[in-house]
Amino acid sequence: MSSLSVPPPQCLLKSFTVPHRYLFGPGPSNVPPRILTAGSQPMLGHLHAETIEIMDHIKSGVQYAFQTQNRMTLVVSGPGHAAMECAIFNSVEPGDCVLVAVNGIWGERAAEIAGRIGAKVNTIWTSAGRYFGNDEIEQALSKYKPVLFFLTHGESSTGVVHPIDGIGQLCHKYDCLFLVDSVAAMGGSPIYMDKQDIDIMYTGSQKVLNVPPGTAPISFSERACNKIFSRKTKPVSYFLDLSWLGNYWGCDGKPARVYHHTGPVSSLYSLREGLAILAETGLENSWKRHKDVAEYFHASLEKIGLKLFVEEKKARLPTVTTIVAPPGYDWREITGYIMKNHNIEISGGLGPSVGMVLRVGLMGCNSNKTYVDMILEALTDALKHCHKSKV
């Protein structure tokens, strides 16, 4: 008689087939066959010579994508949230003053994370769909004297791409590090880490790079490293401690890499391939394609009577479009209808935009006019068949 009190789950004794869907939400995006194939290659040890070579390729690819020569450029084993925590945990100590620009959910979460480790968090706020002027930012820097200023480059909850020029210089004027979240924008909207004086920047694998979720590129300037490696206390996270990660990724100049954690080897294969595609495409070509496709989509939406949430054209994020939820309709019925009848995922709002918008992501291989036409057809069909109230 078996000593097991829990039997094998019946659901695991049957095969499972994953359906194909068009992922036109704010992420993850569809993974092209080339990247899927790369991720299915044979397993290597996480510190084998070949794995280290792949890691070095990835570092070079991230430096290109970020437009930086920072030596401390690596990848966090985890999603964009892990990179956000890595950036804040390492650069901020308890009692430090942090300034967070909040124009969507990612600013809210950065403030929450900084507060949890005992930082003195100050925020500046603007309404969903808007961004901050440099004069507003300078006033706050002058008032609060923070050690770190956080800004979201591509706010996927509201569909705003934030101007970056001049902010890094302002931060340095006030002896402050400039931290940028470019998860939703990197590869789809221009950003130049070194030229724009960004001290810490990170992104995620599952957006423009079209790589499965779970790896998050991040880079630190020498200025950031000087503060991080002269801190009086250890970072609160052992797993995200930059002194360990920097060695694991060969960023510290030491002759040997010491075991820190078992990296996601297959995910690194995929990430290398996503970065290779970006390098082959060319950053400027990628930026232009995303811009052109987004503008085609925006003009077409207006033709069918839908309104864009972000009014100022230059502030519209090319990778994630926010559409004002059509009056009289339940947005959940629209997204559900499109999924059921067209096999297409689009999303509702998030954080401050909940109930206000539909969000459509067109990133990497999904950024093309053929897919735009497919989405427009699905939206038009949904507006014909979903219930519309008379109110």
Protein backbone atom coordinates (compact mmCIF):
# COMPACT_ATOMS: atom_id res chain seq x y z
CA MET A 1 0.00 0.00 0.00
CA SER A 2 1.36 3.43 -0.96
CA SER A 3 2.52 5.77 1.79
CA LEU A 4 1.57 8.80 -0.32
CA SER A 5 -1.42 10.80 0.87
CA VAL A 6 -1.55 13.02 -2.22
CA PRO A 7 -2.06 11.20 -5.54
CA PRO A 8 -0.59 12.34 -8.87
CA PRO A 9 -2.73 15.20 -10.24
CA GLN A 10 -4.93 13.94 -13.06
CA CYS A 11 -4.43 17.21 -14.95
CA LEU A 12 -0.70 16.47 -15.22
CA LEU A 13 -1.29 13.00 -16.61
CA LYS A 14 -2.82 14.48 -19.75
CA SER A 15 -1.01 16.39 -22.48
CA PHE A 16 -1.61 20.10 -22.84
CA THR A 17 -1.54 22.10 -26.06
CA VAL A 18 -0.91 25.83 -25.87
CA PRO A 19 -3.14 27.77 -28.28
CA HIS A 20 -1.69 30.31 -30.68
CA ARG A 21 -2.91 33.84 -29.99
CA TYR A 22 -2.09 37.26 -31.34
CA LEU A 23 -0.64 39.06 -28.33
CA PHE A 24 -1.46 42.71 -28.95
CA GLY A 25 -1.68 43.70 -25.31
CA PRO A 26 1.02 45.66 -23.45
CA GLY A 27 3.15 42.54 -23.11
CA PRO A 28 4.27 39.86 -23.41
CA SER A 29 4.46 40.04 -27.17
CA ASN A 30 4.53 37.13 -29.61
CA VAL A 31 7.83 35.23 -29.82
CA PRO A 32 9.04 34.63 -33.40
CA PRO A 33 10.15 31.11 -34.42
CA ARG A 34 13.81 32.12 -34.56
CA ILE A 35 13.80 33.03 -30.86
CA LEU A 36 11.75 29.95 -29.90
CA THR A 37 14.29 27.78 -31.71
CA ALA A 38 17.20 29.48 -29.96
CA GLY A 39 15.61 28.83 -26.57
CA SER A 40 15.19 25.12 -27.29
CA GLN A 41 18.91 24.42 -27.79
CA PRO A 42 20.65 21.89 -25.48
CA MET A 43 21.19 22.86 -21.87
CA LEU A 44 24.61 24.07 -20.71
CA GLY A 45 25.94 24.60 -17.23
CA HIS A 46 25.40 28.15 -16.08
CA LEU A 47 29.16 28.79 -15.80
CA HIS A 48 30.35 26.74 -18.78
CA ALA A 49 32.70 28.60 -21.09
CA GLU A 50 30.04 28.66 -23.80
CA THR A 51 27.46 30.13 -21.42
CA ILE A 52 29.90 32.83 -20.37
CA GLU A 53 30.49 33.62 -24.04
CA ILE A 54 26.73 33.96 -24.55
CA MET A 55 26.54 36.25 -21.50
CA ASP A 56 29.30 38.41 -22.99
CA HIS A 57 27.36 38.60 -26.28
CA ILE A 58 24.28 39.67 -24.34
CA LYS A 59 26.20 42.40 -22.50
CA SER A 60 27.38 43.81 -25.83
CA GLY A 61 23.83 43.66 -27.18
CA VAL A 62 22.44 45.50 -24.16
CA GLN A 63 25.14 48.16 -24.47
CA TYR A 64 24.06 48.66 -28.08
CA ALA A 65 20.33 48.71 -27.24
CA PHE A 66 20.89 51.19 -24.41
CA GLN A 67 23.57 53.16 -26.30
CA THR A 68 26.01 52.95 -23.42
CA GLN A 69 29.60 51.95 -22.79
CA ASN A 70 28.95 51.23 -19.11
CA ARG A 71 31.11 48.38 -17.86
CA MET A 72 28.43 47.48 -15.28
CA THR A 73 25.89 46.24 -17.83
CA LEU A 74 24.19 42.92 -17.15
CA VAL A 75 20.90 41.02 -16.97
CA VAL A 76 18.80 40.30 -13.90
CA SER A 77 17.25 36.82 -13.72
CA GLY A 78 13.66 37.92 -13.41
CA PRO A 79 11.10 40.27 -15.01
CA GLY A 80 11.27 44.05 -15.21
CA HIS A 81 10.06 44.26 -11.60
CA ALA A 82 13.25 42.49 -10.50
CA ALA A 83 15.34 45.04 -12.38
CA MET A 84 13.39 47.87 -10.75
CA GLU A 85 14.14 46.41 -7.34
CA CYS A 86 17.78 45.78 -8.29
CA ALA A 87 18.16 49.45 -9.26
CA ILE A 88 16.52 50.82 -6.11
CA PHE A 89 17.87 48.27 -3.61
CA ASN A 90 21.46 48.91 -4.66
CA SER A 91 21.40 52.68 -5.08
CA VAL A 92 19.29 53.63 -2.06
CA GLU A 93 19.97 53.16 1.66
CA PRO A 94 17.51 53.56 4.53
CA GLY A 95 16.99 57.26 5.21
CA ASP A 96 18.04 58.36 1.72
CA CYS A 97 15.75 60.84 0.01
CA VAL A 98 14.22 59.57 -3.23
CA LEU A 99 12.15 61.54 -5.73
CA VAL A 100 9.69 59.66 -7.96
CA ALA A 101 7.82 61.09 -10.93
CA VAL A 102 4.38 59.47 -11.01
CA ASN A 103 2.39 59.64 -14.24
CA GLY A 104 1.20 56.04 -14.15
CA ILE A 105 1.48 52.76 -12.30
CA TRP A 106 5.25 52.28 -12.62
CA GLY A 107 6.03 55.45 -10.73
CA GLU A 108 3.58 54.33 -8.06
CA ARG A 109 5.37 51.00 -7.73
CA ALA A 110 8.84 52.57 -7.63
CA ALA A 111 7.70 54.78 -4.76
CA GLU A 112 6.27 51.73 -2.97
CA ILE A 113 9.52 49.78 -3.34
CA ALA A 114 11.70 52.67 -2.15
CA GLY A 115 9.41 53.19 0.83
CA ARG A 116 9.64 49.54 1.83
CA ILE A 117 13.40 49.76 2.29
CA GLY A 118 13.15 52.83 4.49
CA ALA A 119 13.82 55.62 2.02
CA LYS A 120 12.27 59.04 2.43
CA VAL A 121 10.07 59.07 -0.65
CA ASN A 122 8.82 62.27 -2.23
CA THR A 123 6.67 62.28 -5.34
CA ILE A 124 5.56 64.60 -8.07
CA TRP A 125 2.29 63.72 -9.78
CA THR A 126 0.61 64.49 -13.04
CA SER A 127 -2.64 63.17 -14.47
CA ALA A 128 -2.80 60.04 -16.60
CA GLY A 129 -1.89 60.77 -20.20
CA ARG A 130 0.49 63.62 -19.39
CA TYR A 131 4.21 64.07 -18.65
CA PHE A 132 6.42 66.44 -16.66
CA GLY A 133 8.19 69.55 -17.90
CA ASN A 134 11.86 69.92 -17.04
CA ASP A 135 11.07 73.03 -15.01
CA GLU A 136 8.72 70.99 -12.78
CA ILE A 137 11.41 68.38 -12.32
CA GLU A 138 14.07 70.95 -11.46
CA GLN A 139 11.82 72.59 -8.88
CA ALA A 140 11.33 69.23 -7.17
CA LEU A 141 15.04 68.38 -7.34
CA SER A 142 15.86 71.74 -5.77
CA LYS A 143 13.23 71.32 -3.05
CA TYR A 144 13.85 67.72 -1.98
CA LYS A 145 17.58 67.22 -2.74
CA PRO A 146 17.15 63.49 -3.50
CA VAL A 147 19.96 61.00 -4.04
CA LEU A 148 17.88 59.30 -6.76
CA PHE A 149 15.23 60.49 -9.23
CA PHE A 150 12.99 57.87 -10.86
CA LEU A 151 11.22 58.40 -14.19
CA THR A 152 9.32 56.06 -16.50
CA HIS A 153 10.34 56.46 -20.14
CA GLY A 154 7.44 54.44 -21.58
CA GLU A 155 4.44 54.45 -19.23
CA SER A 156 2.49 51.45 -20.50
CA SER A 157 -0.47 52.04 -18.19
CA THR A 158 -1.26 55.39 -19.84
CA GLY A 159 0.47 55.18 -23.23
CA VAL A 160 2.87 58.08 -22.65
CA VAL A 161 6.48 58.29 -23.82
CA HIS A 162 8.30 60.77 -21.60
CA PRO A 163 10.86 63.24 -23.03
CA ILE A 164 14.31 62.52 -21.58
CA ASP A 165 16.53 65.34 -22.90
CA GLY A 166 17.99 67.60 -20.23
CA ILE A 167 16.77 65.65 -17.20
CA GLY A 168 20.05 63.82 -16.61
CA GLN A 169 21.92 67.12 -16.59
CA LEU A 170 19.45 68.52 -14.07
CA CYS A 171 19.90 65.49 -11.82
CA HIS A 172 23.67 65.86 -11.90
CA LYS A 173 23.37 69.58 -11.18
CA TYR A 174 21.69 68.60 -7.90
CA ASP A 175 24.05 65.66 -7.21
CA CYS A 176 21.31 63.12 -7.88
CA LEU A 177 21.33 59.82 -9.76
CA PHE A 178 18.91 59.52 -12.70
CA LEU A 179 17.05 56.19 -12.88
CA VAL A 180 14.95 55.39 -15.97
CA ASP A 181 12.44 52.57 -16.47
CA SER A 182 12.43 51.83 -20.21
CA VAL A 183 10.67 48.46 -20.08
CA ALA A 184 7.87 49.38 -22.49
CA ALA A 185 9.83 51.79 -24.70
CA MET A 186 13.35 50.40 -25.25
CA GLY A 187 13.85 49.52 -28.91
CA GLY A 188 10.64 51.27 -29.90
CA SER A 189 11.44 54.87 -28.97
CA PRO A 190 14.82 56.68 -29.05
CA ILE A 191 16.88 56.75 -25.87
CA TYR A 192 20.62 57.28 -25.43
CA MET A 193 21.81 56.29 -21.97
CA ASP A 194 25.25 57.92 -22.11
CA LYS A 195 24.38 61.01 -24.15
CA GLN A 196 21.32 61.72 -21.98
CA ASP A 197 23.26 61.29 -18.71
CA ILE A 198 21.16 58.40 -17.43
CA ASP A 199 22.81 56.70 -14.45
CA ILE A 200 20.69 53.56 -14.18
CA MET A 201 18.37 52.11 -16.81
CA TYR A 202 16.59 48.82 -17.23
CA THR A 203 14.14 47.09 -19.55
CA GLY A 204 12.35 43.75 -19.90
CA SER A 205 12.77 40.94 -22.39
CA GLN A 206 9.11 40.47 -23.32
CA LYS A 207 8.35 43.75 -25.09
CA VAL A 208 10.14 44.98 -28.24
CA LEU A 209 12.78 42.23 -27.97
CA ASN A 210 10.00 39.58 -28.38
CA VAL A 211 11.73 37.28 -25.88
CA PRO A 212 9.80 35.24 -23.29
CA PRO A 213 9.39 37.04 -19.92
CA GLY A 214 12.00 36.42 -17.27
CA THR A 215 15.19 38.33 -18.09
CA ALA A 216 15.74 42.04 -17.51
CA PRO A 217 18.71 44.00 -18.93
CA ILE A 218 20.08 46.74 -16.67
CA SER A 219 23.04 49.12 -16.76
CA PHE A 220 24.78 51.33 -14.20
CA SER A 221 27.01 54.34 -14.88
CA GLU A 222 30.34 54.83 -13.15
CA ARG A 223 28.67 57.57 -11.14
CA ALA A 224 26.02 55.13 -9.95
CA CYS A 225 28.62 52.48 -9.16
CA ASN A 226 30.63 54.94 -7.07
CA LYS A 227 27.61 55.52 -4.83
CA ILE A 228 26.58 51.88 -4.74
CA PHE A 229 30.00 50.52 -3.81
CA SER A 230 30.63 53.17 -1.15
CA ARG A 231 27.34 52.63 0.68
CA LYS A 232 27.45 52.12 4.46
CA THR A 233 24.93 49.27 4.56
CA LYS A 234 24.48 46.14 2.49
CA PRO A 235 21.58 46.03 0.01
CA VAL A 236 18.48 44.44 1.51
CA SER A 237 18.47 41.71 -1.17
CA TYR A 238 21.26 39.16 -1.43
CA PHE A 239 19.93 37.93 -4.77
CA LEU A 240 19.95 41.44 -6.29
CA ASP A 241 23.22 42.63 -4.68
CA LEU A 242 25.18 44.32 -7.47
CA SER A 243 28.54 43.29 -6.05
CA TRP A 244 27.53 39.66 -6.64
CA LEU A 245 25.72 40.22 -9.91
CA GLY A 246 28.56 42.32 -11.30
CA ASN A 247 30.99 39.48 -10.68
CA TYR A 248 28.60 36.83 -12.02
CA TRP A 249 28.32 38.79 -15.27
CA GLY A 250 32.04 39.55 -15.51
CA CYS A 251 31.61 43.29 -14.99
CA ASP A 252 34.02 43.78 -12.09
CA GLY A 253 37.32 42.99 -13.80
CA LYS A 254 38.09 40.06 -11.49
CA PRO A 255 39.75 37.00 -13.06
CA ALA A 256 37.08 34.51 -11.95
CA ARG A 257 33.31 34.49 -11.73
CA VAL A 258 32.04 33.20 -8.40
CA TYR A 259 28.82 31.22 -8.14
CA HIS A 260 25.93 33.45 -7.11
CA HIS A 261 22.83 31.80 -8.53
CA THR A 262 21.93 29.41 -11.32
CA GLY A 263 21.11 31.65 -14.23
CA PRO A 264 18.21 30.88 -16.62
CA VAL A 265 20.41 29.39 -19.34
CA SER A 266 17.71 28.70 -21.95
CA SER A 267 16.28 32.17 -21.40
CA LEU A 268 19.73 33.61 -22.08
CA TYR A 269 19.79 31.81 -25.43
CA SER A 270 16.50 33.50 -26.29
CA LEU A 271 17.63 36.91 -25.05
CA ARG A 272 20.81 36.71 -27.10
CA GLU A 273 18.71 35.99 -30.19
CA GLY A 274 16.32 38.88 -29.50
CA LEU A 275 19.25 41.26 -29.15
CA ALA A 276 20.79 39.82 -32.32
CA ILE A 277 17.60 40.59 -34.25
CA LEU A 278 17.63 44.15 -32.90
CA ALA A 279 21.28 44.54 -33.94
CA GLU A 280 20.55 43.19 -37.44
CA THR A 281 17.52 45.45 -37.80
CA GLY A 282 19.39 48.49 -36.49
CA LEU A 283 18.17 50.63 -33.60
CA GLU A 284 17.29 53.62 -35.77
CA ASN A 285 15.35 51.39 -38.17
CA SER A 286 13.50 49.84 -35.24
CA TRP A 287 12.62 53.24 -33.80
CA LYS A 288 11.38 54.44 -37.20
CA ARG A 289 9.26 51.34 -37.85
CA HIS A 290 7.54 51.55 -34.48
CA LYS A 291 6.86 55.25 -35.00
CA ASP A 292 5.51 54.78 -38.54
CA VAL A 293 3.28 51.85 -37.58
CA ALA A 294 1.97 53.67 -34.50
CA GLU A 295 1.12 56.78 -36.52
CA TYR A 296 -0.69 54.64 -39.12
CA PHE A 297 -2.62 52.95 -36.31
CA HIS A 298 -3.52 56.25 -34.62
CA ALA A 299 -4.77 57.82 -37.84
CA SER A 300 -6.82 54.72 -38.64
CA LEU A 301 -8.39 54.64 -35.16
CA GLU A 302 -9.59 58.21 -35.59
CA LYS A 303 -11.09 57.31 -38.98
CA ILE A 304 -13.31 54.67 -37.38
CA GLY A 305 -14.43 57.10 -34.70
CA LEU A 306 -12.24 56.07 -31.77
CA LYS A 307 -10.40 58.64 -29.67
CA LEU A 308 -6.80 58.45 -28.51
CA PHE A 309 -6.25 58.86 -24.76
CA VAL A 310 -2.96 60.78 -25.06
CA GLU A 311 -3.88 64.03 -26.76
CA GLU A 312 -0.40 65.36 -27.53
CA LYS A 313 0.98 63.46 -30.53
CA LYS A 314 4.63 63.63 -29.51
CA ALA A 315 3.75 62.14 -26.12
CA ARG A 316 2.19 58.98 -27.55
CA LEU A 317 4.17 55.84 -26.79
CA PRO A 318 4.85 54.05 -30.12
CA THR A 319 4.76 50.59 -28.54
CA VAL A 320 1.56 50.79 -26.48
CA THR A 321 -1.44 52.79 -27.70
CA THR A 322 -4.16 53.83 -25.27
CA ILE A 323 -7.65 54.28 -26.75
CA VAL A 324 -10.40 56.03 -24.83
CA ALA A 325 -12.87 53.33 -23.84
CA PRO A 326 -15.80 53.77 -26.25
CA PRO A 327 -18.68 55.51 -24.41
CA GLY A 328 -21.63 53.27 -23.70
CA TYR A 329 -19.67 50.03 -23.97
CA ASP A 330 -18.28 47.72 -21.33
CA TRP A 331 -14.56 47.50 -22.15
CA ARG A 332 -14.47 43.95 -20.76
CA GLU A 333 -17.07 42.86 -23.29
CA ILE A 334 -15.00 44.39 -26.11
CA THR A 335 -11.76 42.68 -25.11
CA GLY A 336 -13.58 39.40 -24.46
CA TYR A 337 -15.36 39.53 -27.83
CA ILE A 338 -12.12 40.21 -29.68
CA MET A 339 -10.37 37.33 -27.93
CA LYS A 340 -13.24 34.90 -28.57
CA ASN A 341 -13.98 35.84 -32.18
CA HIS A 342 -10.61 37.02 -33.50
CA ASN A 343 -8.09 35.21 -31.26
CA ILE A 344 -6.56 38.60 -30.44
CA GLU A 345 -5.51 39.86 -27.02
CA ILE A 346 -5.89 43.55 -26.28
CA SER A 347 -6.08 44.91 -22.76
CA GLY A 348 -8.01 47.28 -20.56
CA GLY A 349 -6.44 49.95 -18.40
CA LEU A 350 -4.01 49.49 -15.52
CA GLY A 351 -3.56 51.52 -12.36
CA PRO A 352 -4.75 55.09 -13.01
CA SER A 353 -6.22 54.16 -16.40
CA VAL A 354 -8.46 51.30 -15.22
CA GLY A 355 -11.88 51.58 -16.83
CA MET A 356 -10.75 54.51 -18.97
CA VAL A 357 -8.89 52.93 -21.88
CA LEU A 358 -8.20 50.00 -24.14
CA ARG A 359 -4.49 49.26 -24.53
CA VAL A 360 -2.97 47.86 -27.71
CA GLY A 361 0.67 46.82 -27.90
CA LEU A 362 2.57 46.65 -31.20
CA MET A 363 6.12 45.68 -30.33
CA GLY A 364 8.99 44.14 -32.25
CA CYS A 365 7.73 41.60 -34.78
CA ASN A 366 4.15 42.64 -33.96
CA SER A 367 4.81 46.20 -35.11
CA ASN A 368 3.57 46.08 -38.69
CA LYS A 369 0.67 47.50 -40.70
CA THR A 370 -0.80 44.10 -41.51
CA TYR A 371 -1.41 43.51 -37.81
CA VAL A 372 -2.79 47.04 -37.44
CA ASP A 373 -5.40 46.27 -40.11
CA MET A 374 -6.25 43.03 -38.29
CA ILE A 375 -6.79 44.90 -35.01
CA LEU A 376 -8.90 47.57 -36.70
CA GLU A 377 -11.11 44.90 -38.25
CA ALA A 378 -11.55 43.25 -34.84
CA LEU A 379 -12.37 46.53 -33.10
CA THR A 380 -14.88 47.49 -35.79
CA ASP A 381 -16.54 44.09 -35.49
CA ALA A 382 -16.68 44.35 -31.70
CA LEU A 383 -18.32 47.78 -31.80
CA LYS A 384 -21.00 46.36 -34.12
CA HIS A 385 -21.81 43.34 -31.99
CA CYS A 386 -21.14 44.32 -28.37
CA HIS A 387 -23.96 45.82 -26.33
CA LYS A 388 -24.07 49.60 -26.24
CA SER A 389 -26.14 51.32 -23.60
CA LYS A 390 -28.39 54.25 -24.47
CA VAL A 391 -26.98 56.36 -21.65
